Amino acid sequence: MENQYQKVVSVSYVAFAALIAFLSLIVLMKLSSTYDLESKVKSAELIIRVLSVGVGGLVFAGLYTNTKANTFMNEVAVELLTKVTSPTSKDTFQATFVVIITVILAGLVFAFFDWMFVIGLQWFWSGAQRLFS
């Protein structure tokens, strides 16, 4: 069961490596524009893109070849993908009912505090107008 979810783990590694590559591209492009590397280096944008892809590739290779990371990610995948159960329709209805009641009560509390705030501001404003008139 250890390698049963290796495809899921590999896809998550690819997604993470792509995210790191994108972030490194953004950071390197900002640094390039800050230090005006486009005018100093002929093909700075190409170099930055290649470096970003290289960083993403190194992250993927590092994660894919790391036994400890693979073991941990496989355990996480097994736990997430095998122990998931859907609630019954009764449980879903009860939870939805509780959420609706809670939202209504929270709305009433916010409306009360808003009303009190408006009353307080009107009182303050009328007192200030009498004071400075």
N, C-alpha and C. Protein backbone atom coordinates (compact mmCIF):
# COMPACT_ATOMS: atom_id res chain seq x y z
N MET A 1 0.82 -1.19 0.00
CA MET A 1 0.00 0.00 0.00
C MET A 1 0.87 1.26 0.00
N GLU A 2 2.15 1.09 0.18
CA GLU A 2 3.03 2.24 0.29
C GLU A 2 3.14 3.02 -1.01
N ASN A 3 3.23 2.34 -2.15
CA ASN A 3 3.38 3.02 -3.43
C ASN A 3 2.07 3.12 -4.20
N GLN A 4 0.97 2.85 -3.55
CA GLN A 4 -0.33 2.87 -4.22
C GLN A 4 -0.69 4.28 -4.70
N TYR A 5 -0.30 5.28 -3.96
CA TYR A 5 -0.66 6.66 -4.28
C TYR A 5 0.54 7.45 -4.79
N GLN A 6 1.52 6.79 -5.39
CA GLN A 6 2.71 7.48 -5.86
C GLN A 6 2.38 8.48 -6.98
N LYS A 7 1.37 8.19 -7.80
CA LYS A 7 0.98 9.14 -8.85
C LYS A 7 0.46 10.43 -8.24
N VAL A 8 -0.34 10.31 -7.20
CA VAL A 8 -0.88 11.49 -6.53
C VAL A 8 0.25 12.30 -5.91
N VAL A 9 1.19 11.61 -5.29
CA VAL A 9 2.34 12.27 -4.68
C VAL A 9 3.17 12.97 -5.75
N SER A 10 3.40 12.30 -6.86
CA SER A 10 4.20 12.89 -7.94
C SER A 10 3.51 14.12 -8.53
N VAL A 11 2.21 14.06 -8.70
CA VAL A 11 1.48 15.22 -9.21
C VAL A 11 1.56 16.39 -8.23
N SER A 12 1.49 16.09 -6.94
CA SER A 12 1.61 17.17 -5.95
C SER A 12 3.02 17.75 -5.96
N TYR A 13 4.03 16.92 -6.19
CA TYR A 13 5.40 17.43 -6.33
C TYR A 13 5.52 18.33 -7.55
N VAL A 14 4.92 17.92 -8.66
CA VAL A 14 4.98 18.74 -9.89
C VAL A 14 4.28 20.08 -9.65
N ALA A 15 3.13 20.05 -8.99
CA ALA A 15 2.41 21.30 -8.72
C ALA A 15 3.22 22.22 -7.81
N PHE A 16 3.84 21.65 -6.80
CA PHE A 16 4.66 22.46 -5.89
C PHE A 16 5.88 23.02 -6.61
N ALA A 17 6.52 22.20 -7.43
CA ALA A 17 7.68 22.67 -8.18
C ALA A 17 7.29 23.76 -9.17
N ALA A 18 6.12 23.64 -9.79
CA ALA A 18 5.65 24.68 -10.71
C ALA A 18 5.38 25.98 -9.95
N LEU A 19 4.83 25.88 -8.76
CA LEU A 19 4.59 27.07 -7.95
C LEU A 19 5.91 27.74 -7.58
N ILE A 20 6.89 26.95 -7.18
CA ILE A 20 8.20 27.51 -6.83
C ILE A 20 8.85 28.14 -8.06
N ALA A 21 8.73 27.49 -9.21
CA ALA A 21 9.30 28.05 -10.44
C ALA A 21 8.63 29.38 -10.78
N PHE A 22 7.32 29.45 -10.64
CA PHE A 22 6.60 30.69 -10.93
C PHE A 22 7.01 31.80 -9.96
N LEU A 23 7.11 31.47 -8.67
CA LEU A 23 7.51 32.47 -7.69
C LEU A 23 8.93 32.95 -7.93
N SER A 24 9.82 32.03 -8.29
CA SER A 24 11.20 32.45 -8.58
C SER A 24 11.24 33.31 -9.84
N LEU A 25 10.40 33.02 -10.82
CA LEU A 25 10.31 33.85 -12.02
C LEU A 25 9.87 35.26 -11.66
N ILE A 26 8.85 35.38 -10.84
CA ILE A 26 8.35 36.70 -10.44
C ILE A 26 9.42 37.47 -9.68
N VAL A 27 10.07 36.81 -8.72
CA VAL A 27 11.10 37.49 -7.92
C VAL A 27 12.27 37.91 -8.80
N LEU A 28 12.73 37.02 -9.66
CA LEU A 28 13.86 37.36 -10.52
C LEU A 28 13.51 38.46 -11.52
N MET A 29 12.29 38.47 -12.03
CA MET A 29 11.87 39.54 -12.94
C MET A 29 11.82 40.89 -12.21
N LYS A 30 11.33 40.88 -10.98
CA LYS A 30 11.31 42.12 -10.19
C LYS A 30 12.73 42.61 -9.92
N LEU A 31 13.62 41.69 -9.55
CA LEU A 31 15.01 42.07 -9.33
C LEU A 31 15.65 42.58 -10.61
N SER A 32 15.32 41.96 -11.73
CA SER A 32 15.86 42.38 -13.01
C SER A 32 15.41 43.80 -13.37
N SER A 33 14.15 44.09 -13.12
CA SER A 33 13.68 45.45 -13.43
C SER A 33 14.19 46.46 -12.41
N THR A 34 14.38 46.04 -11.16
CA THR A 34 14.89 46.95 -10.14
C THR A 34 16.33 47.35 -10.44
N TYR A 35 17.16 46.38 -10.79
CA TYR A 35 18.57 46.65 -11.07
C TYR A 35 18.86 46.86 -12.55
N ASP A 36 17.83 46.98 -13.37
CA ASP A 36 17.93 47.27 -14.81
C ASP A 36 18.87 46.28 -15.51
N LEU A 37 18.63 44.99 -15.27
CA LEU A 37 19.46 43.96 -15.89
C LEU A 37 19.17 43.79 -17.37
N GLU A 38 17.99 44.25 -17.82
CA GLU A 38 17.67 44.10 -19.24
C GLU A 38 18.63 44.89 -20.12
N SER A 39 19.09 46.04 -19.62
CA SER A 39 20.01 46.84 -20.42
C SER A 39 21.45 46.36 -20.29
N LYS A 40 21.77 45.67 -19.21
CA LYS A 40 23.15 45.23 -18.98
C LYS A 40 23.43 43.85 -19.56
N VAL A 41 22.44 42.97 -19.52
CA VAL A 41 22.61 41.61 -20.03
C VAL A 41 21.70 41.48 -21.25
N LYS A 42 22.26 40.96 -22.33
CA LYS A 42 21.55 40.95 -23.61
C LYS A 42 20.26 40.14 -23.55
N SER A 43 20.30 38.95 -23.02
CA SER A 43 19.11 38.09 -22.98
C SER A 43 18.75 37.76 -21.53
N ALA A 44 18.53 38.79 -20.73
CA ALA A 44 18.26 38.61 -19.30
C ALA A 44 16.95 37.86 -19.08
N GLU A 45 15.94 38.15 -19.89
CA GLU A 45 14.65 37.50 -19.69
C GLU A 45 14.73 36.00 -19.97
N LEU A 46 15.45 35.62 -21.00
CA LEU A 46 15.63 34.20 -21.30
C LEU A 46 16.39 33.50 -20.18
N ILE A 47 17.43 34.14 -19.68
CA ILE A 47 18.22 33.57 -18.58
C ILE A 47 17.35 33.40 -17.34
N ILE A 48 16.53 34.40 -17.06
CA ILE A 48 15.65 34.33 -15.88
C ILE A 48 14.64 33.19 -16.04
N ARG A 49 14.08 33.04 -17.21
CA ARG A 49 13.11 31.95 -17.43
C ARG A 49 13.77 30.59 -17.29
N VAL A 50 14.97 30.44 -17.85
CA VAL A 50 15.69 29.17 -17.75
C VAL A 50 16.04 28.88 -16.30
N LEU A 51 16.48 29.91 -15.56
CA LEU A 51 16.80 29.73 -14.14
C LEU A 51 15.56 29.32 -13.35
N SER A 52 14.43 29.92 -13.65
CA SER A 52 13.20 29.58 -12.93
C SER A 52 12.78 28.14 -13.19
N VAL A 53 12.86 27.73 -14.45
CA VAL A 53 12.54 26.33 -14.77
C VAL A 53 13.54 25.39 -14.10
N GLY A 54 14.80 25.81 -14.06
CA GLY A 54 15.82 25.00 -13.39
C GLY A 54 15.56 24.86 -11.90
N VAL A 55 15.16 25.96 -11.27
CA VAL A 55 14.83 25.91 -9.83
C VAL A 55 13.65 24.98 -9.59
N GLY A 56 12.62 25.09 -10.42
CA GLY A 56 11.47 24.19 -10.30
C GLY A 56 11.86 22.74 -10.51
N GLY A 57 12.72 22.49 -11.49
CA GLY A 57 13.19 21.13 -11.74
C GLY A 57 14.00 20.58 -10.58
N LEU A 58 14.84 21.43 -9.99
CA LEU A 58 15.63 20.99 -8.83
C LEU A 58 14.73 20.69 -7.63
N VAL A 59 13.71 21.50 -7.44
CA VAL A 59 12.77 21.24 -6.33
C VAL A 59 12.06 19.91 -6.55
N PHE A 60 11.59 19.68 -7.79
CA PHE A 60 10.92 18.42 -8.08
C PHE A 60 11.86 17.24 -7.89
N ALA A 61 13.08 17.35 -8.43
CA ALA A 61 14.04 16.24 -8.31
C ALA A 61 14.40 15.99 -6.85
N GLY A 62 14.56 17.06 -6.09
CA GLY A 62 14.89 16.90 -4.68
C GLY A 62 13.78 16.20 -3.91
N LEU A 63 12.54 16.58 -4.18
CA LEU A 63 11.43 15.93 -3.49
C LEU A 63 11.21 14.50 -3.96
N TYR A 64 11.34 14.28 -5.27
CA TYR A 64 11.07 12.96 -5.83
C TYR A 64 12.09 11.92 -5.37
N THR A 65 13.33 12.33 -5.19
CA THR A 65 14.37 11.38 -4.80
C THR A 65 14.54 11.26 -3.29
N ASN A 66 13.89 12.11 -2.52
CA ASN A 66 14.01 12.07 -1.07
C ASN A 66 13.09 10.99 -0.51
N THR A 67 13.68 9.97 0.07
CA THR A 67 12.92 8.83 0.59
C THR A 67 12.03 9.24 1.75
N LYS A 68 12.55 10.09 2.62
CA LYS A 68 11.78 10.52 3.78
C LYS A 68 10.54 11.33 3.35
N ALA A 69 10.72 12.22 2.38
CA ALA A 69 9.58 13.00 1.88
C ALA A 69 8.57 12.11 1.19
N ASN A 70 9.04 11.13 0.41
CA ASN A 70 8.12 10.22 -0.28
C ASN A 70 7.32 9.38 0.72
N THR A 71 7.98 8.90 1.74
CA THR A 71 7.29 8.10 2.76
C THR A 71 6.22 8.94 3.44
N PHE A 72 6.59 10.14 3.84
CA PHE A 72 5.63 11.02 4.51
C PHE A 72 4.45 11.35 3.61
N MET A 73 4.72 11.72 2.37
CA MET A 73 3.65 12.10 1.45
C MET A 73 2.75 10.91 1.11
N ASN A 74 3.32 9.72 0.99
CA ASN A 74 2.50 8.53 0.76
C ASN A 74 1.58 8.26 1.95
N GLU A 75 2.10 8.44 3.17
CA GLU A 75 1.27 8.25 4.35
C GLU A 75 0.14 9.28 4.39
N VAL A 76 0.45 10.52 4.03
CA VAL A 76 -0.57 11.56 3.99
C VAL A 76 -1.63 11.22 2.94
N ALA A 77 -1.20 10.77 1.77
CA ALA A 77 -2.14 10.42 0.70
C ALA A 77 -3.03 9.25 1.13
N VAL A 78 -2.45 8.26 1.77
CA VAL A 78 -3.24 7.12 2.24
C VAL A 78 -4.28 7.59 3.26
N GLU A 79 -3.85 8.45 4.18
CA GLU A 79 -4.78 8.92 5.21
C GLU A 79 -5.89 9.78 4.61
N LEU A 80 -5.53 10.64 3.67
CA LEU A 80 -6.54 11.52 3.08
C LEU A 80 -7.49 10.80 2.14
N LEU A 81 -6.98 9.86 1.36
CA LEU A 81 -7.78 9.27 0.30
C LEU A 81 -8.50 8.00 0.71
N THR A 82 -8.16 7.41 1.85
CA THR A 82 -8.85 6.19 2.25
C THR A 82 -9.79 6.39 3.43
N LYS A 83 -9.56 7.39 4.26
CA LYS A 83 -10.36 7.56 5.46
C LYS A 83 -11.45 8.62 5.30
N VAL A 84 -11.73 9.02 4.09
CA VAL A 84 -12.76 10.03 3.85
C VAL A 84 -14.12 9.35 3.76
N THR A 85 -15.06 9.85 4.54
CA THR A 85 -16.43 9.33 4.49
C THR A 85 -17.38 10.49 4.27
N SER A 86 -18.43 10.26 3.54
CA SER A 86 -19.43 11.29 3.30
C SER A 86 -20.47 11.23 4.41
N PRO A 87 -20.97 12.39 4.85
CA PRO A 87 -22.00 12.37 5.89
C PRO A 87 -23.33 11.91 5.32
N THR A 88 -24.18 11.43 6.21
CA THR A 88 -25.51 11.02 5.79
C THR A 88 -26.34 12.26 5.48
N SER A 89 -27.46 12.05 4.80
CA SER A 89 -28.31 13.20 4.46
C SER A 89 -28.92 13.84 5.71
N LYS A 90 -29.16 13.04 6.73
CA LYS A 90 -29.69 13.58 7.99
C LYS A 90 -28.66 14.50 8.64
N ASP A 91 -27.40 14.06 8.69
CA ASP A 91 -26.35 14.89 9.26
C ASP A 91 -26.16 16.18 8.46
N THR A 92 -26.23 16.07 7.15
CA THR A 92 -26.08 17.25 6.29
C THR A 92 -27.22 18.24 6.54
N PHE A 93 -28.44 17.74 6.65
CA PHE A 93 -29.59 18.61 6.91
C PHE A 93 -29.45 19.30 8.26
N GLN A 94 -29.06 18.54 9.29
CA GLN A 94 -28.92 19.12 10.62
C GLN A 94 -27.83 20.19 10.64
N ALA A 95 -26.70 19.91 10.01
CA ALA A 95 -25.61 20.89 9.99
C ALA A 95 -26.02 22.14 9.21
N THR A 96 -26.73 21.96 8.11
CA THR A 96 -27.20 23.11 7.33
C THR A 96 -28.18 23.94 8.14
N PHE A 97 -29.05 23.30 8.87
CA PHE A 97 -30.02 24.00 9.71
C PHE A 97 -29.30 24.81 10.78
N VAL A 98 -28.30 24.22 11.41
CA VAL A 98 -27.53 24.93 12.44
C VAL A 98 -26.81 26.13 11.83
N VAL A 99 -26.25 25.97 10.65
CA VAL A 99 -25.55 27.08 9.99
C VAL A 99 -26.52 28.21 9.67
N ILE A 100 -27.70 27.88 9.16
CA ILE A 100 -28.69 28.91 8.82
C ILE A 100 -29.13 29.67 10.06
N ILE A 101 -29.42 28.96 11.14
CA ILE A 101 -29.83 29.62 12.38
C ILE A 101 -28.70 30.49 12.92
N THR A 102 -27.48 30.01 12.88
CA THR A 102 -26.34 30.79 13.36
C THR A 102 -26.14 32.05 12.54
N VAL A 103 -26.27 31.96 11.24
CA VAL A 103 -26.12 33.14 10.37
C VAL A 103 -27.22 34.15 10.65
N ILE A 104 -28.44 33.68 10.85
CA ILE A 104 -29.55 34.59 11.16
C ILE A 104 -29.30 35.29 12.49
N LEU A 105 -28.89 34.54 13.51
CA LEU A 105 -28.61 35.15 14.81
C LEU A 105 -27.46 36.15 14.73
N ALA A 106 -26.41 35.80 14.01
CA ALA A 106 -25.28 36.73 13.86
C ALA A 106 -25.72 37.99 13.13
N GLY A 107 -26.58 37.85 12.12
CA GLY A 107 -27.10 39.02 11.42
C GLY A 107 -27.92 39.91 12.32
N LEU A 108 -28.73 39.30 13.18
CA LEU A 108 -29.52 40.10 14.13
C LEU A 108 -28.63 40.82 15.13
N VAL A 109 -27.60 40.16 15.61
CA VAL A 109 -26.67 40.81 16.54
C VAL A 109 -25.96 41.97 15.85
N PHE A 110 -25.48 41.77 14.63
CA PHE A 110 -24.83 42.86 13.90
C PHE A 110 -25.80 44.00 13.62
N ALA A 111 -27.05 43.68 13.29
CA ALA A 111 -28.05 44.72 13.05
C ALA A 111 -28.32 45.52 14.32
N PHE A 112 -28.39 44.84 15.46
CA PHE A 112 -28.60 45.54 16.74
C PHE A 112 -27.45 46.48 17.04
N PHE A 113 -26.22 46.00 16.90
CA PHE A 113 -25.08 46.87 17.18
C PHE A 113 -24.99 48.02 16.19
N ASP A 114 -25.35 47.79 14.95
CA ASP A 114 -25.37 48.86 13.95
C ASP A 114 -26.42 49.91 14.32
N TRP A 115 -27.59 49.46 14.72
CA TRP A 115 -28.65 50.37 15.13
C TRP A 115 -28.22 51.19 16.34
N MET A 116 -27.59 50.52 17.33
CA MET A 116 -27.10 51.23 18.52
C MET A 116 -26.02 52.24 18.15
N PHE A 117 -25.18 51.91 17.22
CA PHE A 117 -24.13 52.81 16.77
C PHE A 117 -24.74 54.05 16.10
N VAL A 118 -25.75 53.84 15.26
CA VAL A 118 -26.43 54.96 14.59
C VAL A 118 -27.11 55.84 15.62
N ILE A 119 -27.79 55.26 16.60
CA ILE A 119 -28.45 56.04 17.65
C ILE A 119 -27.41 56.85 18.41
N GLY A 120 -26.29 56.24 18.75
CA GLY A 120 -25.22 56.95 19.46
C GLY A 120 -24.64 58.08 18.64
N LEU A 121 -24.44 57.86 17.36
CA LEU A 121 -23.93 58.93 16.50
C LEU A 121 -24.93 60.06 16.36
N GLN A 122 -26.22 59.75 16.24
CA GLN A 122 -27.23 60.80 16.14
C GLN A 122 -27.28 61.62 17.43
N TRP A 123 -27.18 60.95 18.57
CA TRP A 123 -27.17 61.65 19.85
C TRP A 123 -25.95 62.56 19.96
N PHE A 124 -24.79 62.04 19.58
CA PHE A 124 -23.56 62.82 19.63
C PHE A 124 -23.64 64.00 18.67
N TRP A 125 -24.15 63.78 17.46
CA TRP A 125 -24.23 64.84 16.46
C TRP A 125 -25.20 65.94 16.89
N SER A 126 -26.34 65.55 17.46
CA SER A 126 -27.30 66.56 17.92
C SER A 126 -26.73 67.36 19.09
N GLY A 127 -26.00 66.69 19.98
CA GLY A 127 -25.36 67.40 21.08
C GLY A 127 -24.27 68.34 20.60
N ALA A 128 -23.52 67.92 19.60
CA ALA A 128 -22.46 68.77 19.06
C ALA A 128 -23.06 69.97 18.33
N GLN A 129 -24.19 69.79 17.64
CA GLN A 129 -24.82 70.90 16.93
C GLN A 129 -25.37 71.92 17.93
N ARG A 130 -25.96 71.44 19.03
CA ARG A 130 -26.46 72.36 20.05
C ARG A 130 -25.32 73.10 20.73
N LEU A 131 -24.22 72.41 20.92
CA LEU A 131 -23.08 73.01 21.61
C LEU A 131 -22.42 74.09 20.76
N PHE A 132 -22.32 73.88 19.45
CA PHE A 132 -21.61 74.81 18.60
C PHE A 132 -22.54 75.74 17.81
N SER A 133 -23.84 75.73 18.10
CA SER A 133 -24.77 76.62 17.38
C SER A 133 -24.92 77.93 18.08
